[in-house]
Amino acid sequence: MVQRREPTARQVRLGVELRRLREAAGMTGAQAAALLGANRVQISHIELGLTGVSEERVRRLASHYACTDTEFVDALVGMAVDRTRGWWEEYRGLLPTSFLDLAELDHHAAYLHEVAILYVPGLLQTEEYARAVFSSRVPELTHEELELRVQHRMRRQRVEVLYELVIHESALRIRVSDRAASRAQLAKILAVSEADRVAVRVIPFDLDGFAQAASTMTYAGGPVPKLDTVVRDVPHGSAFIDSEAQLNAFRTRFHKVEAVALDPERSRDLINRLAKEL
């Protein structure tokens, strides 16, 4: 198969999971290659996401690796045969790869759980809020780079999966632009929070003992829990986390933060009050 120059995060994840199954079975790459009538380099390329793999080969490998989790194997097959060319591909070569990977993750997610501490998350930002955030970048973006990022962020918001957001009051109060922009941003959050698929919960400033202030994250549910993904911001983009131990830790972290937040109705009351103060 043709080797990919730049595999997507989803393609890389498929390869990672196949490697994990092989290693759990105690097999070397050469042994796995022999089972397929391939060579070690081909297996390496599959596990790095550099080449695709057919449904038949995924099922053969899973069988040889003694994986009996049929739902998991079916989900891997779904990833292997998926030929989706989403809208985000229009930005390939124009934006950093992490922007495209986030949009792809949104598209395939079964649900999204998000914790925001200092900024309104991208899926709820107004255009003016997003422009102000990107304008603060160092080094400064060119006008074209800025507008491409804003355009991409607005298109990401068309995702329609179940979305639960826990947001700290600080993120609602910080003015990334002016008062009018802040009012418009709060109004958008209120409007979106009325949708059946969306739940917004606020952590108020007066909460005692809140020790999760560094818990900003996006938790994307996969077709099966083993294929969940956590996204965290890092200085040069986004980090995708997928080890089972870390996923378990972040699931627990989200539920702990969610448990101390206001319920959706009281959260809307607080957001309305903040808007009136502006």
Protein backbone atom coordinates (compact mmCIF):
# COMPACT_ATOMS: atom_id res chain seq x y z
CA MET A 1 0.00 0.00 0.00
CA VAL A 2 1.05 3.60 -0.57
CA GLN A 3 2.92 4.99 2.43
CA ARG A 4 1.31 8.00 4.09
CA ARG A 5 3.44 11.08 4.55
CA GLU A 6 1.38 12.41 7.44
CA PRO A 7 -0.97 9.91 9.13
CA THR A 8 -3.86 11.35 11.11
CA ALA A 9 -4.17 10.86 14.86
CA ARG A 10 -6.90 8.27 14.20
CA GLN A 11 -4.67 6.29 11.83
CA VAL A 12 -1.82 6.43 14.35
CA ARG A 13 -4.18 5.26 17.12
CA LEU A 14 -5.18 2.18 15.11
CA GLY A 15 -1.52 1.27 14.72
CA VAL A 16 -0.85 1.85 18.41
CA GLU A 17 -3.69 -0.48 19.40
CA LEU A 18 -2.46 -3.22 17.06
CA ARG A 19 1.02 -2.87 18.54
CA ARG A 20 -0.38 -3.10 22.06
CA LEU A 21 -2.23 -6.30 21.17
CA ARG A 22 0.94 -7.79 19.67
CA GLU A 23 3.05 -6.89 22.69
CA ALA A 24 0.41 -8.25 25.08
CA ALA A 25 0.58 -11.53 23.16
CA GLY A 26 4.37 -11.58 23.61
CA MET A 27 5.04 -11.59 19.87
CA THR A 28 7.74 -9.78 17.94
CA GLY A 29 7.12 -7.75 14.83
CA ALA A 30 8.87 -10.41 12.76
CA GLN A 31 6.55 -13.11 14.13
CA ALA A 32 3.47 -11.01 13.37
CA ALA A 33 4.76 -10.36 9.86
CA ALA A 34 5.20 -14.08 9.25
CA LEU A 35 1.56 -14.69 10.16
CA LEU A 36 0.49 -12.31 7.39
CA GLY A 37 3.06 -13.39 4.84
CA ALA A 38 4.54 -9.90 5.13
CA ASN A 39 7.85 -8.52 6.31
CA ARG A 40 8.88 -6.72 9.50
CA VAL A 41 8.95 -3.31 7.79
CA GLN A 42 5.31 -3.70 6.69
CA ILE A 43 4.21 -4.49 10.24
CA SER A 44 6.20 -1.51 11.51
CA HIS A 45 4.50 0.78 8.99
CA ILE A 46 1.05 -0.53 9.97
CA GLU A 47 1.79 0.01 13.66
CA LEU A 48 3.03 3.55 12.97
CA GLY A 49 -0.07 4.39 10.93
CA LEU A 50 2.09 4.94 7.84
CA THR A 51 0.15 2.39 5.77
CA GLY A 52 -3.43 1.17 5.90
CA VAL A 53 -4.53 -2.32 6.86
CA SER A 54 -7.50 -4.32 5.58
CA GLU A 55 -10.38 -5.70 7.66
CA GLU A 56 -9.20 -9.23 6.94
CA ARG A 57 -5.69 -8.47 8.23
CA VAL A 58 -6.98 -6.73 11.38
CA ARG A 59 -9.13 -9.75 12.22
CA ARG A 60 -6.30 -12.20 11.47
CA LEU A 61 -3.89 -10.29 13.67
CA ALA A 62 -6.44 -10.02 16.50
CA SER A 63 -7.06 -13.75 16.29
CA HIS A 64 -3.35 -14.57 16.37
CA TYR A 65 -2.93 -12.17 19.28
CA ALA A 66 -5.68 -14.10 21.13
CA CYS A 67 -7.86 -11.00 21.51
CA THR A 68 -11.36 -12.19 22.41
CA ASP A 69 -12.95 -8.73 22.85
CA THR A 70 -15.16 -8.79 19.76
CA GLU A 71 -16.51 -5.26 20.27
CA PHE A 72 -12.98 -3.90 20.46
CA VAL A 73 -11.90 -5.80 17.34
CA ASP A 74 -15.00 -4.60 15.47
CA ALA A 75 -14.15 -1.02 16.48
CA LEU A 76 -10.58 -1.46 15.18
CA VAL A 77 -11.98 -2.79 11.92
CA GLY A 78 -14.22 0.27 11.71
CA MET A 79 -11.15 2.49 12.05
CA ALA A 80 -9.25 0.47 9.44
CA VAL A 81 -11.94 0.61 6.74
CA ASP A 82 -13.04 4.20 7.38
CA ARG A 83 -12.40 6.37 4.35
CA THR A 84 -13.89 9.59 5.70
CA ARG A 85 -12.42 12.68 4.13
CA GLY A 86 -13.84 15.34 6.40
CA TRP A 87 -14.10 19.07 5.92
CA TRP A 88 -10.94 19.54 8.01
CA GLU A 89 -8.82 18.09 5.19
CA GLU A 90 -9.34 21.39 3.36
CA TYR A 91 -6.96 22.91 5.92
CA ARG A 92 -4.16 20.34 5.54
CA GLY A 93 -0.96 22.23 4.82
CA LEU A 94 -2.59 25.49 5.95
CA LEU A 95 -2.95 24.84 9.69
CA PRO A 96 -0.92 22.79 12.17
CA THR A 97 -1.84 19.11 12.11
CA SER A 98 -3.21 19.30 15.66
CA PHE A 99 -6.13 21.44 14.42
CA LEU A 100 -7.10 18.76 11.91
CA ASP A 101 -6.70 15.96 14.47
CA LEU A 102 -9.04 17.74 16.89
CA ALA A 103 -11.72 18.13 14.24
CA GLU A 104 -11.36 14.47 13.25
CA LEU A 105 -11.64 13.46 16.92
CA ASP A 106 -14.82 15.55 17.33
CA HIS A 107 -16.34 13.95 14.24
CA HIS A 108 -15.84 10.38 15.42
CA ALA A 109 -16.52 10.91 19.15
CA ALA A 110 -19.46 9.17 20.79
CA TYR A 111 -19.56 12.00 23.34
CA LEU A 112 -17.37 14.86 24.57
CA HIS A 113 -16.67 15.80 28.19
CA GLU A 114 -14.73 19.01 28.75
CA VAL A 115 -13.28 20.87 31.72
CA ALA A 116 -12.34 24.53 31.22
CA ILE A 117 -10.67 26.67 33.86
CA LEU A 118 -9.37 29.89 32.26
CA TYR A 119 -10.88 30.06 28.77
CA VAL A 120 -14.21 29.27 27.16
CA PRO A 121 -13.55 26.09 25.13
CA GLY A 122 -13.35 26.29 21.35
CA LEU A 123 -16.63 24.47 20.75
CA LEU A 124 -18.52 27.31 22.44
CA GLN A 125 -16.47 30.36 21.48
CA THR A 126 -17.94 33.24 19.51
CA GLU A 127 -16.01 34.38 16.48
CA GLU A 128 -14.87 37.53 18.28
CA TYR A 129 -13.73 35.57 21.34
CA ALA A 130 -11.79 33.11 19.17
CA ARG A 131 -10.16 35.95 17.24
CA ALA A 132 -9.08 37.62 20.49
CA VAL A 133 -7.57 34.36 21.78
CA PHE A 134 -5.64 33.70 18.59
CA SER A 135 -4.54 37.34 18.39
CA SER A 136 -2.69 36.92 21.68
CA ARG A 137 -0.37 34.28 20.22
CA VAL A 138 3.39 34.82 20.43
CA PRO A 139 4.88 35.02 17.87
CA GLU A 140 2.05 37.00 16.34
CA LEU A 141 0.05 35.32 13.58
CA THR A 142 -0.31 36.85 10.16
CA HIS A 143 -3.79 38.05 9.19
CA GLU A 144 -4.26 34.99 6.96
CA GLU A 145 -3.13 32.57 9.68
CA LEU A 146 -5.44 34.23 12.19
CA GLU A 147 -8.48 34.10 9.93
CA LEU A 148 -7.86 30.46 9.00
CA ARG A 149 -7.77 29.49 12.68
CA VAL A 150 -10.96 31.39 13.45
CA GLN A 151 -12.72 29.89 10.42
CA HIS A 152 -11.64 26.39 11.39
CA ARG A 153 -12.81 26.88 14.97
CA MET A 154 -16.26 28.03 13.86
CA ARG A 155 -16.63 25.01 11.58
CA ARG A 156 -15.67 22.66 14.42
CA GLN A 157 -18.75 23.82 16.29
CA ARG A 158 -21.06 22.00 13.89
CA VAL A 159 -20.39 18.73 15.71
CA GLU A 160 -23.59 17.33 17.24
CA VAL A 161 -22.54 14.72 19.78
CA LEU A 162 -23.49 14.70 23.45
CA TYR A 163 -21.42 17.43 25.08
CA GLU A 164 -20.88 18.02 28.78
CA LEU A 165 -18.88 21.03 29.89
CA VAL A 166 -17.68 21.89 33.37
CA ILE A 167 -16.40 25.45 33.32
CA HIS A 168 -14.93 27.54 36.12
CA GLU A 169 -16.38 30.96 36.86
CA SER A 170 -12.95 32.45 36.13
CA ALA A 171 -13.26 31.46 32.45
CA LEU A 172 -16.63 33.22 32.30
CA ARG A 173 -15.28 36.40 33.89
CA ILE A 174 -11.96 36.81 32.09
CA ARG A 175 -12.37 39.37 29.30
CA VAL A 176 -10.28 38.29 26.36
CA SER A 177 -11.70 41.31 24.50
CA ASP A 178 -14.16 44.00 25.67
CA ARG A 179 -17.43 44.03 27.63
CA ALA A 180 -19.61 43.67 24.54
CA ALA A 181 -17.65 40.61 23.41
CA SER A 182 -17.94 39.10 26.89
CA ARG A 183 -21.71 39.63 26.93
CA ALA A 184 -22.02 38.03 23.50
CA GLN A 185 -19.89 35.09 24.65
CA LEU A 186 -22.04 34.48 27.73
CA ALA A 187 -25.17 34.77 25.59
CA LYS A 188 -23.85 32.08 23.25
CA ILE A 189 -23.08 29.73 26.13
CA LEU A 190 -26.60 30.22 27.47
CA ALA A 191 -28.16 29.60 24.05
CA VAL A 192 -26.15 26.44 23.38
CA SER A 193 -26.79 25.12 26.90
CA GLU A 194 -30.51 24.92 26.11
CA ALA A 195 -29.91 22.13 23.58
CA ASP A 196 -30.88 18.63 24.72
CA ARG A 197 -27.45 17.26 23.83
CA VAL A 198 -25.55 19.89 25.86
CA ALA A 199 -25.03 20.24 29.61
CA VAL A 200 -23.07 23.18 31.05
CA ARG A 201 -22.09 23.17 34.71
CA VAL A 202 -20.25 26.04 36.40
CA ILE A 203 -17.76 25.83 39.25
CA PRO A 204 -18.29 29.03 41.26
CA PHE A 205 -15.52 31.01 42.90
CA ASP A 206 -17.02 30.50 46.36
CA LEU A 207 -16.58 26.73 46.26
CA ASP A 208 -14.46 25.57 49.20
CA GLY A 209 -11.57 23.20 48.72
CA PHE A 210 -11.45 23.16 44.92
CA ALA A 211 -8.09 21.54 44.20
CA GLN A 212 -8.63 20.59 40.55
CA ALA A 213 -7.74 23.97 39.06
CA ALA A 214 -5.25 22.42 36.63
CA SER A 215 -7.73 19.89 35.26
CA THR A 216 -8.42 21.51 31.88
CA MET A 217 -9.06 18.69 29.41
CA THR A 218 -11.25 17.27 26.68
CA TYR A 219 -12.39 13.67 27.07
CA ALA A 220 -13.65 12.11 23.83
CA GLY A 221 -15.58 8.87 24.06
CA GLY A 222 -14.69 6.23 21.50
CA PRO A 223 -16.83 3.42 20.06
CA VAL A 224 -15.63 1.35 23.04
CA PRO A 225 -14.03 2.66 26.26
CA LYS A 226 -10.59 1.31 25.27
CA LEU A 227 -10.64 3.76 22.36
CA ASP A 228 -11.44 6.86 24.40
CA THR A 229 -9.02 9.77 24.06
CA VAL A 230 -8.03 12.65 26.32
CA VAL A 231 -6.75 15.88 24.80
CA ARG A 232 -4.68 18.33 26.82
CA ASP A 233 -3.09 21.60 25.75
CA VAL A 234 0.69 21.69 25.57
CA PRO A 235 2.95 24.64 24.61
CA HIS A 236 3.11 23.68 20.94
CA GLY A 237 -0.36 22.25 20.27
CA SER A 238 -2.38 19.40 21.74
CA ALA A 239 -1.36 16.14 23.40
CA PHE A 240 -3.49 13.05 22.78
CA ILE A 241 -3.53 10.62 25.69
CA ASP A 242 -4.77 7.06 25.22
CA SER A 243 -3.15 4.65 27.71
CA GLU A 244 -5.73 2.72 29.69
CA ALA A 245 -4.33 3.75 33.08
CA GLN A 246 -4.39 7.44 32.17
CA LEU A 247 -7.87 7.21 30.66
CA ASN A 248 -9.14 5.72 33.91
CA ALA A 249 -7.50 8.54 35.86
CA PHE A 250 -9.03 11.24 33.67
CA ARG A 251 -12.49 9.63 33.80
CA THR A 252 -12.27 9.79 37.58
CA ARG A 253 -10.97 13.37 37.46
CA PHE A 254 -13.84 14.51 35.26
CA HIS A 255 -16.48 12.95 37.50
CA LYS A 256 -14.91 14.53 40.60
CA VAL A 257 -14.93 17.99 39.00
CA GLU A 258 -18.46 17.46 37.69
CA ALA A 259 -19.66 16.43 41.15
CA VAL A 260 -18.69 19.75 42.76
CA ALA A 261 -20.09 21.95 39.99
CA LEU A 262 -23.51 23.59 40.02
CA ASP A 263 -26.30 21.76 38.23
CA PRO A 264 -27.24 23.06 34.73
CA GLU A 265 -30.16 25.20 35.94
CA ARG A 266 -28.19 26.93 38.69
CA SER A 267 -25.29 27.30 36.27
CA ARG A 268 -27.50 29.18 33.81
CA ASP A 269 -28.67 31.42 36.64
CA LEU A 270 -25.06 32.26 37.48
CA ILE A 271 -24.16 32.94 33.84
CA ASN A 272 -27.20 35.21 33.49
CA ARG A 273 -26.10 37.12 36.59
CA LEU A 274 -22.59 37.56 35.24
CA ALA A 275 -23.97 38.86 31.95
CA LYS A 276 -26.06 41.46 33.76
CA GLU A 277 -22.99 42.67 35.64
CA LEU A 278 -21.21 43.57 32.39
